Protein backbone atom coordinates (compact mmCIF):
# COMPACT_ATOMS: atom_id res chain seq x y z
CA TYR A 1 153.75 119.42 -12.71
CA ARG A 2 150.94 116.87 -13.09
CA LYS A 3 152.75 114.67 -15.62
CA PRO A 4 155.93 114.26 -13.51
CA PHE A 5 153.80 113.56 -10.41
CA LEU A 6 151.70 110.92 -12.17
CA LYS A 7 154.80 109.34 -13.65
CA LYS A 8 156.41 109.09 -10.20
CA ILE A 9 153.41 107.39 -8.57
CA SER A 10 152.36 105.20 -11.49
CA GLY A 11 154.41 102.30 -10.14
CA PHE A 12 152.67 102.24 -6.76
CA ASP A 13 150.49 99.12 -6.54
CA SER A 14 147.75 100.52 -4.32
CA VAL A 15 147.39 103.93 -5.98
CA GLN A 16 144.50 104.51 -8.37
CA ILE A 17 145.41 107.03 -11.03
CA GLY A 18 142.44 108.78 -12.46
CA SER A 19 138.79 107.98 -12.19
CA ILE A 20 137.37 104.49 -12.02
CA ASP A 21 135.45 105.40 -15.17
CA ARG A 22 138.38 105.70 -17.57
CA ASN A 23 136.13 107.63 -19.98
CA LEU A 24 135.99 110.54 -17.51
CA ILE A 25 139.70 111.37 -17.70
CA PRO A 26 142.37 111.48 -20.39
CA PRO A 27 144.87 108.62 -20.33
CA ILE A 28 148.45 109.37 -19.28
CA GLU A 29 150.91 110.03 -22.09
CA GLY A 30 152.59 106.74 -22.95
CA ASP A 31 149.37 104.75 -22.47
CA ALA A 32 148.14 103.00 -25.61
CA ASP A 33 144.96 105.12 -25.55
CA TYR A 34 146.70 108.46 -25.06
CA ASN A 35 145.28 111.23 -27.23
CA PRO A 36 145.96 114.81 -26.10
CA TYR A 37 143.25 116.08 -28.47
CA ARG A 38 140.33 113.97 -27.20
CA GLU A 39 137.12 115.81 -28.05
CA ASP A 40 135.28 114.63 -24.91
CA ILE A 41 137.77 116.45 -22.66
CA SER A 42 137.08 120.15 -22.10
CA SER A 43 137.89 122.91 -19.63
CA SER A 44 134.96 121.74 -17.50
CA SER A 45 136.18 118.13 -17.30
CA SER A 46 137.73 118.73 -13.88
CA ALA A 47 134.19 119.22 -12.55
CA THR A 48 133.29 115.65 -13.54
CA TYR A 49 133.89 112.90 -11.03
CA SER A 50 132.60 109.50 -10.08
CA TRP A 51 131.21 108.78 -6.61
CA GLU A 52 133.05 105.45 -6.88
CA ASP A 53 136.34 107.31 -6.61
CA PHE A 54 135.47 108.26 -3.05
CA ALA A 55 133.76 105.00 -2.13
CA ARG A 56 136.63 102.78 -3.28
CA THR A 57 139.67 104.83 -2.27
CA ASN A 58 141.13 105.94 1.04
CA CYS A 59 142.54 109.32 0.08
CA SER A 60 142.40 111.92 -2.66
CA ILE A 61 145.61 113.48 -3.92
CA ILE A 62 144.53 116.93 -5.04
CA LEU A 63 146.54 118.40 -7.89
CA GLU A 64 145.39 122.01 -7.68
CA THR A 65 145.28 124.37 -10.64
CA VAL A 66 148.43 126.23 -9.58
CA PHE A 67 151.50 124.66 -8.06
CA ASP A 68 153.83 127.49 -7.21
CA GLN A 69 153.85 129.94 -4.29
CA ARG A 70 150.18 130.92 -4.63
CA ILE A 71 147.22 129.47 -2.78
CA HIS A 72 144.34 129.00 -5.18
CA LEU A 73 141.50 126.78 -3.98
CA THR A 74 139.14 125.40 -6.61
CA GLU A 75 136.55 122.65 -6.96
CA LYS A 76 139.43 120.18 -6.87
CA THR A 77 139.92 120.98 -3.18
CA LEU A 78 136.27 121.54 -2.33
CA ARG A 79 135.15 118.19 -3.74
CA PRO A 80 136.87 115.95 -1.13
CA LEU A 81 135.77 118.35 1.61
CA ALA A 82 132.15 118.12 0.46
CA CYS A 83 132.32 114.36 -0.07
CA GLY A 84 133.96 113.62 3.28
CA HIS A 85 137.16 112.17 1.83
CA PRO A 86 140.68 112.40 3.30
CA PHE A 87 143.19 114.21 1.10
CA MET A 88 146.70 115.45 0.49
CA ILE A 89 147.17 118.47 -1.72
CA LEU A 90 149.73 119.78 -4.18
CA SER A 91 149.33 123.53 -4.24
CA GLY A 92 151.20 126.52 -2.87
CA PRO A 93 152.84 126.36 0.57
CA GLY A 94 150.40 127.21 3.34
CA THR A 95 147.37 125.77 1.57
CA LEU A 96 146.49 123.45 4.46
CA GLU A 97 146.75 126.38 6.85
CA LYS A 98 144.35 128.33 4.62
CA ILE A 99 141.92 125.40 4.64
CA ARG A 100 142.17 125.23 8.45
CA SER A 101 141.45 128.97 8.65
CA TYR A 102 137.95 128.18 7.35
CA GLY A 103 137.45 125.80 10.28
CA PHE A 104 138.24 122.57 8.46
CA LYS A 105 140.52 120.00 10.01
CA THR A 106 143.39 118.38 8.19
CA PHE A 107 144.88 114.95 8.81
CA HIS A 108 147.92 115.44 11.03
CA PRO A 109 149.15 113.38 12.93
CA PHE A 110 147.88 110.50 10.78
CA ILE A 111 149.30 112.03 7.60
CA ASP A 112 152.59 113.93 7.72
CA GLU A 113 151.60 117.39 6.51
CA THR A 114 154.98 119.09 6.77
CA TYR A 115 154.99 119.19 2.96
CA ASP A 116 152.61 122.15 3.26
CA GLU A 117 155.42 124.27 4.74
CA GLU A 118 157.97 123.46 2.02
CA GLN A 119 158.71 126.44 -0.23
CA ASP A 120 160.41 124.49 -3.02
CA ALA A 121 157.70 123.01 -5.29
CA ASN A 122 159.76 119.99 -6.35
CA LYS A 123 160.62 119.12 -2.75
CA ARG A 124 156.97 119.63 -1.75
CA MET A 125 155.88 117.18 -4.46
CA GLN A 126 158.49 114.65 -3.36
CA MET A 127 157.35 114.94 0.26
CA VAL A 128 153.78 114.07 -0.79
CA ILE A 129 155.06 111.11 -2.81
CA ASP A 130 157.17 109.96 0.15
CA GLU A 131 154.14 110.16 2.44
CA ILE A 132 152.03 108.13 0.01
CA GLN A 133 154.79 105.55 -0.11
CA ARG A 134 155.18 105.52 3.70
CA ILE A 135 151.50 104.79 4.16
CA ASN A 136 151.41 102.20 1.36
CA ASN A 137 154.42 100.41 2.87
CA SER A 138 152.83 100.29 6.33
CA THR A 139 151.11 97.21 7.68
CA LYS A 140 147.43 96.78 6.80
CA LYS A 141 146.59 97.18 10.48
CA TYR A 142 148.38 100.54 10.65
CA GLN A 143 146.84 101.66 7.35
CA ASN A 144 143.39 100.85 8.76
CA TYR A 145 144.23 102.91 11.85
CA ILE A 146 145.28 105.86 9.67
CA TRP A 147 142.20 105.75 7.44
CA GLU A 148 139.71 105.21 10.24
CA ASN A 149 140.99 108.34 11.99
CA CYS A 150 141.23 110.33 8.77
CA ASN A 151 137.67 109.35 7.86
CA GLN A 152 136.42 110.76 11.17
CA ILE A 153 138.12 114.06 10.34
CA ALA A 154 136.75 113.97 6.78
CA GLU A 155 133.20 113.47 8.08
CA TYR A 156 133.65 116.52 10.31
CA ASN A 157 134.78 118.48 7.24
CA LYS A 158 131.74 117.31 5.27
CA ARG A 159 129.38 118.51 7.99
CA LEU A 160 131.19 121.86 8.15
CA PHE A 161 131.13 122.25 4.37
CA PHE A 162 127.32 122.10 4.34
CA ASP A 163 126.86 124.19 7.48
CA VAL A 164 125.08 127.51 6.90
CA LYS A 165 127.79 129.35 8.85
CA PHE A 166 130.48 128.19 6.42
CA ILE A 167 128.34 129.11 3.43
CA TRP A 168 127.72 132.56 4.95
CA ARG A 169 131.47 133.00 5.53
CA VAL A 170 132.32 132.15 1.91
CA LYS A 171 129.64 134.52 0.60
CA THR A 172 130.91 137.30 2.88
CA GLU A 173 134.51 136.76 1.73
CA LEU A 174 133.38 136.85 -1.90
CA ARG A 175 131.48 140.12 -1.37
CA ARG A 176 134.51 141.73 0.30
CA THR A 177 136.84 140.53 -2.45
CA VAL A 178 134.58 141.82 -5.21
CA ALA A 179 134.09 145.15 -3.41
CA THR A 180 137.87 145.76 -3.36
CA VAL A 181 138.31 145.13 -7.09
């Protein structure tokens, strides 16, 4: 699902695809430098990121590991939470609700999050693309309003992420999950 998504947003002027450090990510197929067998890309490459990505962008678009009916949160989701960065997410329906169940806030009403309720994966992806386009087509003044408010929410999330109560909750959930296996 990642390739069709990237292809659909590649024409957006104000969307950064990939990391600022082009050596950290593989190029998109069709790029002159595309090589699906790059040796510097491994299964741990998704854990690599540049702080500049958060400093120079307004929002992360999280492309989670699974994009079907399951909710599977990984470092891809945790990174923007920990770094205090607004985000939209492509994952299973109900993912934002799951994130909110941990006490995090999401970005409604500044970002239309109805995509999180959509059961059809293709429609869910298109709803995220439409929301990106809506924001990008807005006036600069309105975009500033959106991002200022989203950044306040993201800072709240960052504080919560590093709070001992959240860490305790995650450890407790992990213990319970392992005990039932």
